[in-house]
Amino acid sequence: MTSPGSGGSRIRPDGIDTTRPHPARMYDYFLGGKDNYEVDQVAAEKVIAKAPEVREGVRANRDFLLRAVRHVVGEYGIRQILDVGTGLPTEPNVHQVAHAIAPETRVVYVDNDPIVSTHSMALLDGTDHTSVVLADLRQPQELLAHPEVRRLIDFDRPVALLLVAVVHFLADSDDPDRIVATLRDALPAGSCLVLSHGTGDVHEDGRADAAAVYNEATAPLVLRSHERITQFFGDFTLVDPGLVPVTHWRPEVPLRPDAPAIGMYGGVARKAG
């Protein structure tokens, strides 16, 4: 999707900002989607030029997400999922994977981009036990109190909180520890936190130049170390194999020997009770 007309980028009447790249739309471009604008495409190509593995990385992150969903629904019997920072819908999506195992699973998607909300609602039309909420991760208490979240999610029963490729869009000034802790602490015993996060650990140059492209976007990209990312899990217990590159989290097919290093850690942790 490119910005129509010859007048360049603009803010549309529906609230979709096409004046700056948006991480969700850039992610969609990396995945080969069409729900993005010229401003997103230009920024994404700058990232690709500086980090050629990024397309494979976002696909690996997506695969990690789907494996983690199958794990928490199939192995732990969790029947409620709160997916924050969901991004534009890509099939199969979280609710489709969860419902293939347990059709009664309730799923709430949350994102702060109106285009995500619009496209997700269209995808979910007529889908039971699933909803979309337009809310901002930076306001976790408001997110948790949203009527649609409260309608579908019972916080007295185990919940899988998905923070997949989203916390790295929180600057240190946003106080990401407080934000994640607010969401994490709202979960009862038996709940799981599924989190993935970009890192510069695996590349000699740290990929700082690629991350800097996001300084022009609606949110920065903050690459963090393995030790720092681990802190977001708090007192939840990481399940085997721990916090690892997303390609190494319970892969379902052997890893390619020529696969590029992916600068994304992923893990699943469970709250004891």
C-alpha atoms as a PDB file:
ATOM      1  CA  MET A   1       0.000   0.000   0.000  1.00  0.00           C
ATOM      2  CA  THR A   2       1.572   3.275  -1.070  1.00  0.00           C
ATOM      3  CA  SER A   3       0.460   6.769  -0.198  1.00  0.00           C
ATOM      4  CA  PRO A   4      -2.067   7.876  -2.840  1.00  0.00           C
ATOM      5  CA  GLY A   5      -1.699  10.993  -4.901  1.00  0.00           C
ATOM      6  CA  SER A   6       1.323  13.088  -5.660  1.00  0.00           C
ATOM      7  CA  GLY A   7       1.211  15.305  -2.592  1.00  0.00           C
ATOM      8  CA  GLY A   8       3.482  13.023  -0.529  1.00  0.00           C
ATOM      9  CA  SER A   9       2.894  11.602   2.908  1.00  0.00           C
ATOM     10  CA  ARG A  10       0.234  12.977   5.187  1.00  0.00           C
ATOM     11  CA  ILE A  11      -1.929  12.201   8.192  1.00  0.00           C
ATOM     12  CA  ARG A  12      -5.155  10.670   6.931  1.00  0.00           C
ATOM     13  CA  PRO A  13      -8.596  11.503   8.327  1.00  0.00           C
ATOM     14  CA  ASP A  14      -8.794   8.034   9.885  1.00  0.00           C
ATOM     15  CA  GLY A  15      -5.801   8.840  12.086  1.00  0.00           C
ATOM     16  CA  ILE A  16      -3.247   6.784  10.148  1.00  0.00           C
ATOM     17  CA  ASP A  17      -0.004   8.747  10.112  1.00  0.00           C
ATOM     18  CA  THR A  18       1.844   8.421   6.811  1.00  0.00           C
ATOM     19  CA  THR A  19       4.250  11.272   7.575  1.00  0.00           C
ATOM     20  CA  ARG A  20       6.676   8.957   9.380  1.00  0.00           C
ATOM     21  CA  PRO A  21       7.498   5.250   9.110  1.00  0.00           C
ATOM     22  CA  HIS A  22       5.682   3.017  11.577  1.00  0.00           C
ATOM     23  CA  PRO A  23       7.409  -0.121  12.933  1.00  0.00           C
ATOM     24  CA  ALA A  24       4.340  -2.314  12.355  1.00  0.00           C
ATOM     25  CA  ARG A  25       4.117  -1.307   8.713  1.00  0.00           C
ATOM     26  CA  MET A  26       7.884  -1.705   8.245  1.00  0.00           C
ATOM     27  CA  TYR A  27       7.587  -5.189   9.760  1.00  0.00           C
ATOM     28  CA  ASP A  28       4.802  -5.939   7.282  1.00  0.00           C
ATOM     29  CA  TYR A  29       7.097  -4.817   4.447  1.00  0.00           C
ATOM     30  CA  PHE A  30       9.913  -7.056   5.698  1.00  0.00           C
ATOM     31  CA  LEU A  31       7.459  -9.969   5.613  1.00  0.00           C
ATOM     32  CA  GLY A  32       6.491  -9.165   2.034  1.00  0.00           C
ATOM     33  CA  GLY A  33       3.102  -7.681   2.919  1.00  0.00           C
ATOM     34  CA  LYS A  34       1.236  -4.899   1.129  1.00  0.00           C
ATOM     35  CA  ASP A  35      -0.141  -2.968   4.110  1.00  0.00           C
ATOM     36  CA  ASN A  36       2.545  -0.310   4.146  1.00  0.00           C
ATOM     37  CA  TYR A  37       3.260   3.080   2.634  1.00  0.00           C
ATOM     38  CA  GLU A  38       6.104   4.572   0.658  1.00  0.00           C
ATOM     39  CA  VAL A  39       7.545   6.174   3.783  1.00  0.00           C
ATOM     40  CA  ASP A  40       7.659   2.722   5.429  1.00  0.00           C
ATOM     41  CA  GLN A  41       9.193   1.104   2.363  1.00  0.00           C
ATOM     42  CA  VAL A  42      11.987   3.688   2.121  1.00  0.00           C
ATOM     43  CA  ALA A  43      12.877   3.278   5.787  1.00  0.00           C
ATOM     44  CA  ALA A  44      12.707  -0.510   5.594  1.00  0.00           C
ATOM     45  CA  GLU A  45      15.059  -0.572   2.600  1.00  0.00           C
ATOM     46  CA  LYS A  46      17.535   1.525   4.583  1.00  0.00           C
ATOM     47  CA  VAL A  47      17.446  -1.107   7.335  1.00  0.00           C
ATOM     48  CA  ILE A  48      17.913  -3.913   4.808  1.00  0.00           C
ATOM     49  CA  ALA A  49      20.940  -2.132   3.348  1.00  0.00           C
ATOM     50  CA  LYS A  50      22.576  -2.009   6.782  1.00  0.00           C
ATOM     51  CA  ALA A  51      21.331  -5.373   8.081  1.00  0.00           C
ATOM     52  CA  PRO A  52      20.691  -7.717   5.120  1.00  0.00           C
ATOM     53  CA  GLU A  53      19.513 -10.519   7.410  1.00  0.00           C
ATOM     54  CA  VAL A  54      16.510  -8.519   8.626  1.00  0.00           C
ATOM     55  CA  ARG A  55      13.962 -10.193   6.338  1.00  0.00           C
ATOM     56  CA  GLU A  56      15.019 -13.633   7.521  1.00  0.00           C
ATOM     57  CA  GLY A  57      15.060 -12.306  11.063  1.00  0.00           C
ATOM     58  CA  VAL A  58      11.457 -11.143  11.087  1.00  0.00           C
ATOM     59  CA  ARG A  59      10.343 -14.462   9.598  1.00  0.00           C
ATOM     60  CA  ALA A  60      12.299 -16.304  12.287  1.00  0.00           C
ATOM     61  CA  ASN A  61      10.678 -14.118  14.921  1.00  0.00           C
ATOM     62  CA  ARG A  62       7.257 -14.874  13.469  1.00  0.00           C
ATOM     63  CA  ASP A  63       7.972 -18.597  13.556  1.00  0.00           C
ATOM     64  CA  PHE A  64       9.102 -18.290  17.184  1.00  0.00           C
ATOM     65  CA  LEU A  65       5.805 -16.611  18.031  1.00  0.00           C
ATOM     66  CA  LEU A  66       3.760 -19.408  16.498  1.00  0.00           C
ATOM     67  CA  ARG A  67       5.812 -22.131  18.212  1.00  0.00           C
ATOM     68  CA  ALA A  68       5.449 -20.337  21.544  1.00  0.00           C
ATOM     69  CA  VAL A  69       1.683 -20.050  21.120  1.00  0.00           C
ATOM     70  CA  ARG A  70       1.421 -23.753  20.365  1.00  0.00           C
ATOM     71  CA  HIS A  71       3.482 -24.434  23.483  1.00  0.00           C
ATOM     72  CA  VAL A  72       1.496 -22.329  25.952  1.00  0.00           C
ATOM     73  CA  VAL A  73      -1.859 -23.492  24.585  1.00  0.00           C
ATOM     74  CA  GLY A  74      -0.953 -27.109  23.929  1.00  0.00           C
ATOM     75  CA  GLU A  75       1.464 -27.853  26.786  1.00  0.00           C
ATOM     76  CA  TYR A  76       0.208 -25.566  29.542  1.00  0.00           C
ATOM     77  CA  GLY A  77      -3.473 -25.482  28.631  1.00  0.00           C
ATOM     78  CA  ILE A  78      -3.690 -21.691  28.664  1.00  0.00           C
ATOM     79  CA  ARG A  79      -6.928 -20.509  27.102  1.00  0.00           C
ATOM     80  CA  GLN A  80      -6.443 -16.720  27.213  1.00  0.00           C
ATOM     81  CA  ILE A  81      -3.931 -14.722  25.170  1.00  0.00           C
ATOM     82  CA  LEU A  82      -3.179 -11.002  25.348  1.00  0.00           C
ATOM     83  CA  ASP A  83      -1.042 -10.107  22.319  1.00  0.00           C
ATOM     84  CA  VAL A  84       0.366  -6.594  22.778  1.00  0.00           C
ATOM     85  CA  GLY A  85       2.007  -4.920  19.805  1.00  0.00           C
ATOM     86  CA  THR A  86       0.472  -7.449  17.483  1.00  0.00           C
ATOM     87  CA  GLY A  87       1.343  -5.666  14.238  1.00  0.00           C
ATOM     88  CA  LEU A  88      -0.492  -6.156  10.969  1.00  0.00           C
ATOM     89  CA  PRO A  89      -2.217  -9.526  10.589  1.00  0.00           C
ATOM     90  CA  THR A  90      -0.211 -12.250   8.869  1.00  0.00           C
ATOM     91  CA  GLU A  91      -1.642 -15.725   8.389  1.00  0.00           C
ATOM     92  CA  PRO A  92      -1.505 -17.937  10.269  1.00  0.00           C
ATOM     93  CA  ASN A  93      -2.119 -15.542  13.118  1.00  0.00           C
ATOM     94  CA  VAL A  94      -2.136 -16.144  16.850  1.00  0.00           C
ATOM     95  CA  HIS A  95      -5.846 -16.894  17.145  1.00  0.00           C
ATOM     96  CA  GLN A  96      -5.724 -19.320  14.223  1.00  0.00           C
ATOM     97  CA  VAL A  97      -2.856 -21.278  15.777  1.00  0.00           C
ATOM     98  CA  ALA A  98      -4.494 -21.278  19.207  1.00  0.00           C
ATOM     99  CA  HIS A  99      -7.942 -22.221  17.908  1.00  0.00           C
ATOM    100  CA  ALA A 100      -6.506 -25.132  15.936  1.00  0.00           C
ATOM    101  CA  ILE A 101      -5.575 -26.624  19.319  1.00  0.00           C
ATOM    102  CA  ALA A 102      -8.364 -25.250  21.512  1.00  0.00           C
ATOM    103  CA  PRO A 103     -11.199 -23.388  19.730  1.00  0.00           C
ATOM    104  CA  GLU A 104     -12.389 -21.877  23.014  1.00  0.00           C
ATOM    105  CA  THR A 105      -9.170 -19.889  23.489  1.00  0.00           C
ATOM    106  CA  ARG A 106      -9.813 -16.173  23.931  1.00  0.00           C
ATOM    107  CA  VAL A 107      -7.430 -13.819  22.137  1.00  0.00           C
ATOM    108  CA  VAL A 108      -7.160 -10.042  22.406  1.00  0.00           C
ATOM    109  CA  TYR A 109      -4.882  -8.228  19.981  1.00  0.00           C
ATOM    110  CA  VAL A 110      -3.546  -4.818  21.022  1.00  0.00           C
ATOM    111  CA  ASP A 111      -1.738  -2.245  18.900  1.00  0.00           C
ATOM    112  CA  ASN A 112      -1.456   1.538  18.775  1.00  0.00           C
ATOM    113  CA  ASP A 113      -1.622   1.941  14.990  1.00  0.00           C
ATOM    114  CA  PRO A 114      -5.133   2.518  13.550  1.00  0.00           C
ATOM    115  CA  ILE A 115      -4.216   0.640  10.360  1.00  0.00           C
ATOM    116  CA  VAL A 116      -3.456  -2.457  12.439  1.00  0.00           C
ATOM    117  CA  SER A 117      -6.796  -2.168  14.204  1.00  0.00           C
ATOM    118  CA  THR A 118      -8.684  -1.687  10.937  1.00  0.00           C
ATOM    119  CA  HIS A 119      -7.083  -4.632   9.129  1.00  0.00           C
ATOM    120  CA  SER A 120      -7.252  -6.918  12.156  1.00  0.00           C
ATOM    121  CA  MET A 121     -10.949  -6.223  12.687  1.00  0.00           C
ATOM    122  CA  ALA A 122     -11.616  -7.110   9.053  1.00  0.00           C
ATOM    123  CA  LEU A 123      -9.718 -10.384   9.461  1.00  0.00           C
ATOM    124  CA  LEU A 124     -11.558 -11.237  12.661  1.00  0.00           C
ATOM    125  CA  ASP A 125     -15.067 -10.463  11.435  1.00  0.00           C
ATOM    126  CA  GLY A 126     -17.249 -13.272  12.746  1.00  0.00           C
ATOM    127  CA  THR A 127     -14.448 -14.917  14.723  1.00  0.00           C
ATOM    128  CA  ASP A 128     -15.563 -16.027  18.181  1.00  0.00           C
ATOM    129  CA  HIS A 129     -13.559 -15.336  21.330  1.00  0.00           C
ATOM    130  CA  THR A 130     -11.262 -12.845  19.590  1.00  0.00           C
ATOM    131  CA  SER A 131     -11.077  -9.056  19.584  1.00  0.00           C
ATOM    132  CA  VAL A 132      -8.858  -6.093  18.674  1.00  0.00           C
ATOM    133  CA  VAL A 133      -8.053  -3.148  20.940  1.00  0.00           C
ATOM    134  CA  LEU A 134      -6.482   0.148  19.922  1.00  0.00           C
ATOM    135  CA  ALA A 135      -4.233   1.004  22.872  1.00  0.00           C
ATOM    136  CA  ASP A 136      -0.652   1.939  23.672  1.00  0.00           C
ATOM    137  CA  LEU A 137       1.868  -0.273  25.452  1.00  0.00           C
ATOM    138  CA  ARG A 138       3.248   2.874  27.105  1.00  0.00           C
ATOM    139  CA  GLN A 139      -0.004   3.140  29.073  1.00  0.00           C
ATOM    140  CA  PRO A 140      -0.216  -0.365  30.552  1.00  0.00           C
ATOM    141  CA  GLN A 141      -2.794   0.393  33.241  1.00  0.00           C
ATOM    142  CA  GLU A 142      -5.197   1.876  30.683  1.00  0.00           C
ATOM    143  CA  LEU A 143      -4.552  -1.117  28.435  1.00  0.00           C
ATOM    144  CA  LEU A 144      -5.400  -3.568  31.202  1.00  0.00           C
ATOM    145  CA  ALA A 145      -8.537  -1.622  32.115  1.00  0.00           C
ATOM    146  CA  HIS A 146      -9.846  -1.428  28.541  1.00  0.00           C
ATOM    147  CA  PRO A 147     -13.452  -2.729  28.481  1.00  0.00           C
ATOM    148  CA  GLU A 148     -12.767  -5.111  25.597  1.00  0.00           C
ATOM    149  CA  VAL A 149      -9.731  -6.568  27.368  1.00  0.00           C
ATOM    150  CA  ARG A 150     -11.802  -7.050  30.513  1.00  0.00           C
ATOM    151  CA  ARG A 151     -14.665  -8.569  28.528  1.00  0.00           C
ATOM    152  CA  LEU A 152     -12.563 -11.387  27.129  1.00  0.00           C
ATOM    153  CA  ILE A 153      -9.682 -11.808  29.584  1.00  0.00           C
ATOM    154  CA  ASP A 154     -10.308 -13.112  33.105  1.00  0.00           C
ATOM    155  CA  PHE A 155      -7.255 -12.152  35.145  1.00  0.00           C
ATOM    156  CA  ASP A 156      -8.152 -14.734  37.771  1.00  0.00           C
ATOM    157  CA  ARG A 157      -7.226 -17.466  35.296  1.00  0.00           C
ATOM    158  CA  PRO A 158      -3.874 -18.076  33.529  1.00  0.00           C
ATOM    159  CA  VAL A 159      -3.081 -15.737  30.664  1.00  0.00           C
ATOM    160  CA  ALA A 160      -0.366 -15.828  28.020  1.00  0.00           C
ATOM    161  CA  LEU A 161       1.020 -12.317  27.598  1.00  0.00           C
ATOM    162  CA  LEU A 162       2.742 -11.889  24.243  1.00  0.00           C
ATOM    163  CA  LEU A 163       5.304  -9.090  23.972  1.00  0.00           C
ATOM    164  CA  VAL A 164       6.881 -10.205  20.720  1.00  0.00           C
ATOM    165  CA  ALA A 165       9.226  -7.763  18.975  1.00  0.00           C
ATOM    166  CA  VAL A 166       7.647  -4.775  20.722  1.00  0.00           C
ATOM    167  CA  VAL A 167       9.566  -3.947  23.925  1.00  0.00           C
ATOM    168  CA  HIS A 168      12.579  -2.899  21.863  1.00  0.00           C
ATOM    169  CA  PHE A 169      10.438   0.007  20.634  1.00  0.00           C
ATOM    170  CA  LEU A 170      10.341   1.378  24.175  1.00  0.00           C
ATOM    171  CA  ALA A 171      13.087   3.893  24.882  1.00  0.00           C
ATOM    172  CA  ASP A 172      14.800   3.828  28.256  1.00  0.00           C
ATOM    173  CA  SER A 173      13.022   7.107  28.986  1.00  0.00           C
ATOM    174  CA  ASP A 174       9.695   5.256  28.664  1.00  0.00           C
ATOM    175  CA  ASP A 175      10.722   3.134  31.687  1.00  0.00           C
ATOM    176  CA  PRO A 176      10.220  -0.242  29.982  1.00  0.00           C
ATOM    177  CA  ASP A 177      10.808  -2.147  33.235  1.00  0.00           C
ATOM    178  CA  ARG A 178       7.805  -0.454  34.827  1.00  0.00           C
ATOM    179  CA  ILE A 179       5.661  -1.021  31.750  1.00  0.00           C
ATOM    180  CA  VAL A 180       6.470  -4.717  31.438  1.00  0.00           C
ATOM    181  CA  ALA A 181       6.178  -5.247  35.205  1.00  0.00           C
ATOM    182  CA  THR A 182       2.731  -3.625  35.258  1.00  0.00           C
ATOM    183  CA  LEU A 183       1.485  -6.097  32.662  1.00  0.00           C
ATOM    184  CA  ARG A 184       3.392  -9.042  34.123  1.00  0.00           C
ATOM    185  CA  ASP A 185       2.193  -8.414  37.672  1.00  0.00           C
ATOM    186  CA  ALA A 186      -1.434  -8.392  36.542  1.00  0.00           C
ATOM    187  CA  LEU A 187      -1.146 -12.072  35.593  1.00  0.00           C
ATOM    188  CA  PRO A 188      -2.121 -14.865  38.006  1.00  0.00           C
ATOM    189  CA  ALA A 189      -0.122 -18.005  38.788  1.00  0.00           C
ATOM    190  CA  GLY A 190       0.235 -20.369  35.846  1.00  0.00           C
ATOM    191  CA  SER A 191       0.432 -17.515  33.345  1.00  0.00           C
ATOM    192  CA  CYS A 192       3.187 -17.168  30.752  1.00  0.00           C
ATOM    193  CA  LEU A 193       5.168 -14.286  29.303  1.00  0.00           C
ATOM    194  CA  VAL A 194       6.303 -14.758  25.707  1.00  0.00           C
ATOM    195  CA  LEU A 195       8.854 -12.102  24.776  1.00  0.00           C
ATOM    196  CA  SER A 196      11.279 -11.460  21.943  1.00  0.00           C
ATOM    197  CA  HIS A 197      13.614  -8.496  21.663  1.00  0.00           C
ATOM    198  CA  GLY A 198      16.227  -7.174  19.253  1.00  0.00           C
ATOM    199  CA  THR A 199      19.890  -7.289  20.230  1.00  0.00           C
ATOM    200  CA  GLY A 200      23.264  -6.196  18.924  1.00  0.00           C
ATOM    201  CA  ASP A 201      25.013  -9.073  20.688  1.00  0.00           C
ATOM    202  CA  VAL A 202      25.375 -11.343  17.689  1.00  0.00           C
ATOM    203  CA  HIS A 203      26.961  -8.929  15.204  1.00  0.00           C
ATOM    204  CA  GLU A 204      30.363  -7.326  15.535  1.00  0.00           C
ATOM    205  CA  ASP A 205      29.052  -3.910  14.511  1.00  0.00           C
ATOM    206  CA  GLY A 206      26.115  -4.187  16.911  1.00  0.00           C
ATOM    207  CA  ARG A 207      23.805  -3.128  14.066  1.00  0.00           C
ATOM    208  CA  ALA A 208      23.577   0.372  15.577  1.00  0.00           C
ATOM    209  CA  ASP A 209      23.364   1.922  12.098  1.00  0.00           C
ATOM    210  CA  ALA A 210      20.345  -0.210  11.243  1.00  0.00           C
ATOM    211  CA  ALA A 211      18.651   0.633  14.540  1.00  0.00           C
ATOM    212  CA  ALA A 212      19.291   4.340  13.924  1.00  0.00           C
ATOM    213  CA  VAL A 213      16.921   4.260  10.932  1.00  0.00           C
ATOM    214  CA  TYR A 214      14.062   3.965  13.414  1.00  0.00           C
ATOM    215  CA  ASN A 215      14.955   7.365  14.848  1.00  0.00           C
ATOM    216  CA  GLU A 216      12.907   8.741  11.944  1.00  0.00           C
ATOM    217  CA  ALA A 217       9.976   6.460  12.770  1.00  0.00           C
ATOM    218  CA  THR A 218       7.152   6.768  15.283  1.00  0.00           C
ATOM    219  CA  ALA A 219       9.208   4.738  17.779  1.00  0.00           C
ATOM    220  CA  PRO A 220      12.960   4.161  18.172  1.00  0.00           C
ATOM    221  CA  LEU A 221      14.556   0.716  18.030  1.00  0.00           C
ATOM    222  CA  VAL A 222      16.561   0.048  21.189  1.00  0.00           C
ATOM    223  CA  LEU A 223      18.805  -3.002  20.935  1.00  0.00           C
ATOM    224  CA  ARG A 224      19.554  -4.535  24.335  1.00  0.00           C
ATOM    225  CA  SER A 225      21.888  -7.217  25.667  1.00  0.00           C
ATOM    226  CA  HIS A 226      20.963 -10.745  26.724  1.00  0.00           C
ATOM    227  CA  GLU A 227      21.423  -9.808  30.375  1.00  0.00           C
ATOM    228  CA  ARG A 228      19.241  -6.720  30.035  1.00  0.00           C
ATOM    229  CA  ILE A 229      16.459  -8.530  28.182  1.00  0.00           C
ATOM    230  CA  THR A 230      16.416 -11.299  30.790  1.00  0.00           C
ATOM    231  CA  GLN A 231      15.436  -8.714  33.391  1.00  0.00           C
ATOM    232  CA  PHE A 232      12.077  -8.170  31.688  1.00  0.00           C
ATOM    233  CA  PHE A 233      10.958 -11.637  32.795  1.00  0.00           C
ATOM    234  CA  GLY A 234      11.139 -10.614  36.456  1.00  0.00           C
ATOM    235  CA  ASP A 235      10.405 -13.481  38.825  1.00  0.00           C
ATOM    236  CA  PHE A 236       8.853 -15.626  36.105  1.00  0.00           C
ATOM    237  CA  THR A 237      10.790 -18.842  35.427  1.00  0.00           C
ATOM    238  CA  LEU A 238      12.194 -19.227  31.927  1.00  0.00           C
ATOM    239  CA  VAL A 239      11.310 -22.592  30.434  1.00  0.00           C
ATOM    240  CA  ASP A 240      13.875 -24.640  28.525  1.00  0.00           C
ATOM    241  CA  PRO A 241      15.915 -23.597  26.532  1.00  0.00           C
ATOM    242  CA  GLY A 242      15.759 -20.182  28.236  1.00  0.00           C
ATOM    243  CA  LEU A 243      16.343 -16.867  26.488  1.00  0.00           C
ATOM    244  CA  VAL A 244      18.016 -17.782  23.198  1.00  0.00           C
ATOM    245  CA  PRO A 245      18.148 -16.579  19.584  1.00  0.00           C
ATOM    246  CA  VAL A 246      14.617 -17.034  18.248  1.00  0.00           C
ATOM    247  CA  THR A 247      15.844 -19.615  15.747  1.00  0.00           C
ATOM    248  CA  HIS A 248      17.050 -21.773  18.669  1.00  0.00           C
ATOM    249  CA  TRP A 249      13.828 -21.762  20.690  1.00  0.00           C
ATOM    250  CA  ARG A 250      12.466 -25.291  20.208  1.00  0.00           C
ATOM    251  CA  PRO A 251      12.970 -25.381  16.428  1.00  0.00           C
ATOM    252  CA  GLU A 252      10.710 -27.794  14.583  1.00  0.00           C
ATOM    253  CA  VAL A 253      13.159 -28.313  11.713  1.00  0.00           C
ATOM    254  CA  PRO A 254      16.966 -28.506  11.794  1.00  0.00           C
ATOM    255  CA  LEU A 255      18.732 -25.166  11.595  1.00  0.00           C
ATOM    256  CA  ARG A 256      20.398 -24.441   8.267  1.00  0.00           C
ATOM    257  CA  PRO A 257      24.192 -24.440   8.582  1.00  0.00           C
ATOM    258  CA  ASP A 258      24.358 -21.384   6.296  1.00  0.00           C
ATOM    259  CA  ALA A 259      21.630 -19.437   8.101  1.00  0.00           C
ATOM    260  CA  PRO A 260      22.651 -15.891   9.048  1.00  0.00           C
ATOM    261  CA  ALA A 261      22.933 -14.866  12.676  1.00  0.00           C
ATOM    262  CA  ILE A 262      19.637 -13.369  13.814  1.00  0.00           C
ATOM    263  CA  GLY A 263      19.814 -10.452  16.232  1.00  0.00           C
ATOM    264  CA  MET A 264      16.677 -11.371  18.149  1.00  0.00           C
ATOM    265  CA  TYR A 265      16.361 -13.196  21.456  1.00  0.00           C
ATOM    266  CA  GLY A 266      13.176 -14.990  22.438  1.00  0.00           C
ATOM    267  CA  GLY A 267      11.944 -16.822  25.498  1.00  0.00           C
ATOM    268  CA  VAL A 268       8.904 -18.114  27.332  1.00  0.00           C
ATOM    269  CA  ALA A 269       8.611 -17.833  31.091  1.00  0.00           C
ATOM    270  CA  ARG A 270       5.967 -19.044  33.526  1.00  0.00           C
ATOM    271  CA  LYS A 271       4.664 -17.611  36.767  1.00  0.00           C
ATOM    272  CA  ALA A 272       4.876 -20.091  39.616  1.00  0.00           C
ATOM    273  CA  GLY A 273       2.007 -20.631  41.955  1.00  0.00           C
END
